[in-house]
C-alpha atoms as a PDB file:
ATOM      1  CA  MET A   1       0.000   0.000   0.000  1.00  0.00           C
ATOM      2  CA  LYS A   2       2.783   2.439   0.960  1.00  0.00           C
ATOM      3  CA  ASN A   3       4.579   1.702  -2.318  1.00  0.00           C
ATOM      4  CA  SER A   4       1.380   2.325  -4.319  1.00  0.00           C
ATOM      5  CA  LEU A   5       0.781   5.629  -2.506  1.00  0.00           C
ATOM      6  CA  THR A   6       4.351   6.718  -3.199  1.00  0.00           C
ATOM      7  CA  LYS A   7       3.999   5.850  -6.905  1.00  0.00           C
ATOM      8  CA  LEU A   8       0.705   7.750  -7.091  1.00  0.00           C
ATOM      9  CA  ILE A   9       2.236  10.854  -5.467  1.00  0.00           C
ATOM     10  CA  VAL A  10       5.263  10.710  -7.776  1.00  0.00           C
ATOM     11  CA  CYS A  11       3.119  10.330 -10.902  1.00  0.00           C
ATOM     12  CA  ALA A  12       0.754  13.136  -9.908  1.00  0.00           C
ATOM     13  CA  THR A  13       3.605  15.517  -9.135  1.00  0.00           C
ATOM     14  CA  LEU A  14       5.478  14.660 -12.335  1.00  0.00           C
ATOM     15  CA  MET A  15       2.315  15.332 -14.325  1.00  0.00           C
ATOM     16  CA  LEU A  16       1.875  18.700 -12.603  1.00  0.00           C
ATOM     17  CA  ALA A  17       5.486  19.607 -13.359  1.00  0.00           C
ATOM     18  CA  LEU A  18       5.160  18.763 -17.018  1.00  0.00           C
ATOM     19  CA  VAL A  19       1.868  20.641 -17.333  1.00  0.00           C
ATOM     20  CA  ALA A  20       3.473  23.663 -15.651  1.00  0.00           C
ATOM     21  CA  CYS A  21       6.401  23.643 -18.081  1.00  0.00           C
ATOM     22  CA  ASP A  22       5.928  26.343 -20.641  1.00  0.00           C
ATOM     23  CA  ASP A  23       7.783  26.527 -23.938  1.00  0.00           C
ATOM     24  CA  ASP A  24       7.190  30.283 -24.044  1.00  0.00           C
ATOM     25  CA  ASP A  25      10.582  31.799 -23.307  1.00  0.00           C
ATOM     26  CA  SER A  26       9.220  35.363 -23.199  1.00  0.00           C
ATOM     27  CA  THR A  27       9.175  35.488 -19.403  1.00  0.00           C
ATOM     28  CA  SER A  28      12.725  34.184 -18.981  1.00  0.00           C
ATOM     29  CA  THR A  29      15.154  36.562 -17.418  1.00  0.00           C
ATOM     30  CA  THR A  30      18.799  36.687 -16.544  1.00  0.00           C
ATOM     31  CA  CYS A  31      17.658  37.301 -12.946  1.00  0.00           C
ATOM     32  CA  GLU A  32      20.126  40.102 -12.259  1.00  0.00           C
ATOM     33  CA  GLY A  33      22.696  39.234  -9.606  1.00  0.00           C
ATOM     34  CA  ALA A  34      21.814  35.532  -9.706  1.00  0.00           C
ATOM     35  CA  THR A  35      24.169  32.688 -10.521  1.00  0.00           C
ATOM     36  CA  MET A  36      23.639  29.022 -11.267  1.00  0.00           C
ATOM     37  CA  GLU A  37      26.317  26.476 -12.026  1.00  0.00           C
ATOM     38  CA  ALA A  38      26.357  22.731 -12.602  1.00  0.00           C
ATOM     39  CA  THR A  39      28.550  20.118 -14.192  1.00  0.00           C
ATOM     40  CA  ILE A  40      26.420  18.079 -16.584  1.00  0.00           C
ATOM     41  CA  ASN A  41      28.061  14.932 -17.959  1.00  0.00           C
ATOM     42  CA  GLY A  42      31.482  16.432 -17.281  1.00  0.00           C
ATOM     43  CA  THR A  43      30.789  19.841 -18.886  1.00  0.00           C
ATOM     44  CA  ASP A  44      30.626  22.942 -16.689  1.00  0.00           C
ATOM     45  CA  ILE A  45      27.504  25.020 -17.401  1.00  0.00           C
ATOM     46  CA  SER A  46      26.998  28.496 -15.953  1.00  0.00           C
ATOM     47  CA  ASN A  47      25.159  30.593 -18.557  1.00  0.00           C
ATOM     48  CA  PHE A  48      21.470  30.116 -17.694  1.00  0.00           C
ATOM     49  CA  LYS A  49      18.259  32.076 -18.231  1.00  0.00           C
ATOM     50  CA  PHE A  50      15.598  31.639 -15.564  1.00  0.00           C
ATOM     51  CA  ASN A  51      11.829  31.390 -15.222  1.00  0.00           C
ATOM     52  CA  ASN A  52      11.276  30.479 -11.556  1.00  0.00           C
ATOM     53  CA  THR A  53       7.889  30.325  -9.864  1.00  0.00           C
ATOM     54  CA  LEU A  54       6.345  29.682  -6.459  1.00  0.00           C
ATOM     55  CA  LEU A  55       2.803  28.311  -6.336  1.00  0.00           C
ATOM     56  CA  LYS A  56       0.888  28.307  -3.036  1.00  0.00           C
ATOM     57  CA  VAL A  57      -2.017  25.885  -2.583  1.00  0.00           C
ATOM     58  CA  GLU A  58      -3.690  25.154   0.806  1.00  0.00           C
ATOM     59  CA  GLY A  59      -0.670  24.698   3.088  1.00  0.00           C
ATOM     60  CA  THR A  60       1.667  23.447   0.373  1.00  0.00           C
ATOM     61  CA  LYS A  61       4.104  25.483  -1.660  1.00  0.00           C
ATOM     62  CA  ARG A  62       5.620  24.298  -4.899  1.00  0.00           C
ATOM     63  CA  MET A  63       8.638  26.046  -6.326  1.00  0.00           C
ATOM     64  CA  ASP A  64       9.885  25.350  -9.821  1.00  0.00           C
ATOM     65  CA  ILE A  65      13.393  26.520 -10.566  1.00  0.00           C
ATOM     66  CA  ARG A  66      13.577  26.523 -14.369  1.00  0.00           C
ATOM     67  CA  ALA A  67      16.949  27.195 -15.920  1.00  0.00           C
ATOM     68  CA  THR A  68      17.671  27.093 -19.647  1.00  0.00           C
ATOM     69  CA  ASP A  69      21.273  26.795 -20.810  1.00  0.00           C
ATOM     70  CA  SER A  70      22.742  28.330 -23.974  1.00  0.00           C
ATOM     71  CA  ASN A  71      21.936  25.126 -25.930  1.00  0.00           C
ATOM     72  CA  GLY A  72      18.222  25.311 -25.054  1.00  0.00           C
ATOM     73  CA  ARG A  73      18.360  22.421 -22.579  1.00  0.00           C
ATOM     74  CA  GLN A  74      16.104  22.997 -19.562  1.00  0.00           C
ATOM     75  CA  LEU A  75      16.950  21.946 -16.017  1.00  0.00           C
ATOM     76  CA  ILE A  76      13.951  22.048 -13.679  1.00  0.00           C
ATOM     77  CA  ILE A  77      14.119  21.572  -9.926  1.00  0.00           C
ATOM     78  CA  THR A  78      10.627  21.007  -8.494  1.00  0.00           C
ATOM     79  CA  ILE A  79      10.358  21.556  -4.752  1.00  0.00           C
ATOM     80  CA  SER A  80       7.291  20.683  -2.674  1.00  0.00           C
ATOM     81  CA  ASP A  81       7.297  22.430   0.710  1.00  0.00           C
ATOM     82  CA  GLN A  82       4.806  20.874   3.136  1.00  0.00           C
ATOM     83  CA  THR A  83       6.171  22.452   6.330  1.00  0.00           C
ATOM     84  CA  GLY A  84       7.387  25.870   5.192  1.00  0.00           C
ATOM     85  CA  SER A  85       6.804  29.227   6.732  1.00  0.00           C
ATOM     86  CA  ALA A  86       3.894  31.445   5.816  1.00  0.00           C
ATOM     87  CA  GLY A  87       4.277  33.993   3.064  1.00  0.00           C
ATOM     88  CA  ASN A  88       6.061  34.004  -0.246  1.00  0.00           C
ATOM     89  CA  GLY A  89       9.022  31.736   0.445  1.00  0.00           C
ATOM     90  CA  ILE A  90      10.044  28.170   1.117  1.00  0.00           C
ATOM     91  CA  THR A  91      11.787  26.740   4.137  1.00  0.00           C
ATOM     92  CA  THR A  92      15.431  25.788   4.580  1.00  0.00           C
ATOM     93  CA  ASP A  93      14.282  22.623   6.410  1.00  0.00           C
ATOM     94  CA  GLU A  94      15.327  19.241   5.028  1.00  0.00           C
ATOM     95  CA  TYR A  95      14.012  18.147   1.627  1.00  0.00           C
ATOM     96  CA  ILE A  96      14.025  14.490   0.626  1.00  0.00           C
ATOM     97  CA  SER A  97      13.933  12.920  -2.809  1.00  0.00           C
ATOM     98  CA  PHE A  98      10.721  11.375  -4.117  1.00  0.00           C
ATOM     99  CA  ALA A  99      12.406   7.987  -3.874  1.00  0.00           C
ATOM    100  CA  ASP A 100      12.486   8.389  -0.075  1.00  0.00           C
ATOM    101  CA  ILE A 101       8.845   9.368   0.558  1.00  0.00           C
ATOM    102  CA  THR A 102       7.274   7.435   3.422  1.00  0.00           C
ATOM    103  CA  THR A 103       4.271   9.471   4.616  1.00  0.00           C
ATOM    104  CA  GLY A 104       3.487  11.876   1.777  1.00  0.00           C
ATOM    105  CA  THR A 105       3.827  14.856   4.139  1.00  0.00           C
ATOM    106  CA  GLU A 106       7.581  15.383   3.753  1.00  0.00           C
ATOM    107  CA  ASN A 107       9.278  18.292   1.987  1.00  0.00           C
ATOM    108  CA  THR A 108      10.328  16.733  -1.318  1.00  0.00           C
ATOM    109  CA  PHE A 109      12.041  17.440  -4.620  1.00  0.00           C
ATOM    110  CA  PHE A 110      12.691  15.967  -8.031  1.00  0.00           C
ATOM    111  CA  PHE A 111      14.596  17.038 -11.120  1.00  0.00           C
ATOM    112  CA  THR A 112      13.696  17.183 -14.795  1.00  0.00           C
ATOM    113  CA  ILE A 113      15.898  17.751 -17.824  1.00  0.00           C
ATOM    114  CA  ILE A 114      14.210  18.645 -21.098  1.00  0.00           C
ATOM    115  CA  GLN A 115      16.488  18.225 -24.084  1.00  0.00           C
ATOM    116  CA  GLY A 116      14.824  18.864 -27.415  1.00  0.00           C
ATOM    117  CA  SER A 117      11.472  17.103 -27.253  1.00  0.00           C
ATOM    118  CA  VAL A 118      12.591  14.495 -24.694  1.00  0.00           C
ATOM    119  CA  SER A 119      11.965  14.853 -20.958  1.00  0.00           C
ATOM    120  CA  TYR A 120      14.024  12.982 -18.339  1.00  0.00           C
ATOM    121  CA  SER A 121      12.832  12.793 -14.710  1.00  0.00           C
ATOM    122  CA  PHE A 122      14.976  12.033 -11.667  1.00  0.00           C
ATOM    123  CA  ILE A 123      13.444  11.141  -8.303  1.00  0.00           C
ATOM    124  CA  GLU A 124      16.750  10.571  -6.489  1.00  0.00           C
ATOM    125  CA  GLY A 125      19.570  12.988  -5.714  1.00  0.00           C
ATOM    126  CA  SER A 126      20.308  15.721  -3.231  1.00  0.00           C
ATOM    127  CA  LEU A 127      18.954  19.219  -2.689  1.00  0.00           C
ATOM    128  CA  ASP A 128      19.808  21.683   0.064  1.00  0.00           C
ATOM    129  CA  ILE A 129      18.016  25.036   0.206  1.00  0.00           C
ATOM    130  CA  THR A 130      20.538  27.262   1.988  1.00  0.00           C
ATOM    131  CA  SER A 131      18.437  30.445   2.004  1.00  0.00           C
ATOM    132  CA  CYS A 132      15.129  31.855   0.840  1.00  0.00           C
ATOM    133  CA  ASP A 133      14.387  35.557   1.202  1.00  0.00           C
ATOM    134  CA  ALA A 134      10.606  35.827   0.855  1.00  0.00           C
ATOM    135  CA  ASP A 135      10.651  39.638   0.873  1.00  0.00           C
ATOM    136  CA  GLU A 136      13.167  39.882  -1.986  1.00  0.00           C
ATOM    137  CA  LYS A 137      11.873  36.654  -3.607  1.00  0.00           C
ATOM    138  CA  ARG A 138      15.366  35.131  -3.873  1.00  0.00           C
ATOM    139  CA  VAL A 139      16.455  31.530  -3.238  1.00  0.00           C
ATOM    140  CA  SER A 140      19.857  29.799  -2.970  1.00  0.00           C
ATOM    141  CA  GLY A 141      20.944  26.169  -2.665  1.00  0.00           C
ATOM    142  CA  THR A 142      22.939  23.192  -3.899  1.00  0.00           C
ATOM    143  CA  PHE A 143      21.951  20.031  -5.819  1.00  0.00           C
ATOM    144  CA  SER A 144      23.155  16.897  -7.606  1.00  0.00           C
ATOM    145  CA  PHE A 145      21.624  13.829  -9.282  1.00  0.00           C
ATOM    146  CA  GLU A 146      22.439  11.121 -11.807  1.00  0.00           C
ATOM    147  CA  ASP A 147      21.285   8.083 -13.748  1.00  0.00           C
ATOM    148  CA  ASP A 148      22.522   6.196 -16.825  1.00  0.00           C
ATOM    149  CA  GLU A 149      21.965   9.202 -19.160  1.00  0.00           C
ATOM    150  CA  PHE A 150      22.941  12.199 -17.022  1.00  0.00           C
ATOM    151  CA  GLU A 151      25.328  12.981 -14.209  1.00  0.00           C
ATOM    152  CA  VAL A 152      24.745  16.400 -12.677  1.00  0.00           C
ATOM    153  CA  THR A 153      27.267  17.356 -10.005  1.00  0.00           C
ATOM    154  CA  SER A 154      28.444  20.510  -8.255  1.00  0.00           C
ATOM    155  CA  GLY A 155      25.059  22.140  -8.800  1.00  0.00           C
ATOM    156  CA  SER A 156      24.511  25.443  -7.049  1.00  0.00           C
ATOM    157  CA  PHE A 157      22.313  28.507  -7.378  1.00  0.00           C
ATOM    158  CA  GLU A 158      22.646  31.828  -5.591  1.00  0.00           C
ATOM    159  CA  ASN A 159      20.045  34.581  -5.291  1.00  0.00           C
ATOM    160  CA  LEU A 160      17.720  33.236  -7.985  1.00  0.00           C
ATOM    161  CA  CYS A 161      14.668  35.433  -8.280  1.00  0.00           C
ATOM    162  CA  TYR A 162      11.200  33.912  -8.519  1.00  0.00           C
ATOM    163  CA  LYS A 163       7.670  35.116  -9.063  1.00  0.00           C
ATOM    164  CA  VAL A 164       4.681  34.069  -6.970  1.00  0.00           C
ATOM    165  CA  ASN A 165       1.693  32.651  -8.865  1.00  0.00           C
END
């Protein structure tokens, strides 16, 4: 039963993430003063455009950090904050990967890479939100994940701006 519930939560959240992905690049920004870096399959990437959002729904907040590199590849970090503070930010409490869900009430994350018309989802890895300034709408953290197709290491973002939907 627990395994079925976990699969259902993962599928529902993945569907929401894909529905929320928008090919319209018109709202992307360089997010002045922000930086994001990652090593993807051995190549250092640091030139990203951003379209980050925070969605608040009845006690849960979902943040999507959407970064597009110079080759058009999108890296999306989807964060579900079940325990966060009130207002327009997310918590710096622990986040666990979807692979580690036990109750469905944990703060969780997963990653998506969209390359061309193909989407790759990752439910294991690490994410640490080091700060979130709800007044300035800025977030910082570190991340990594991998599978047979992608190895993403040394991921970090500093002062990424986001909009509240």
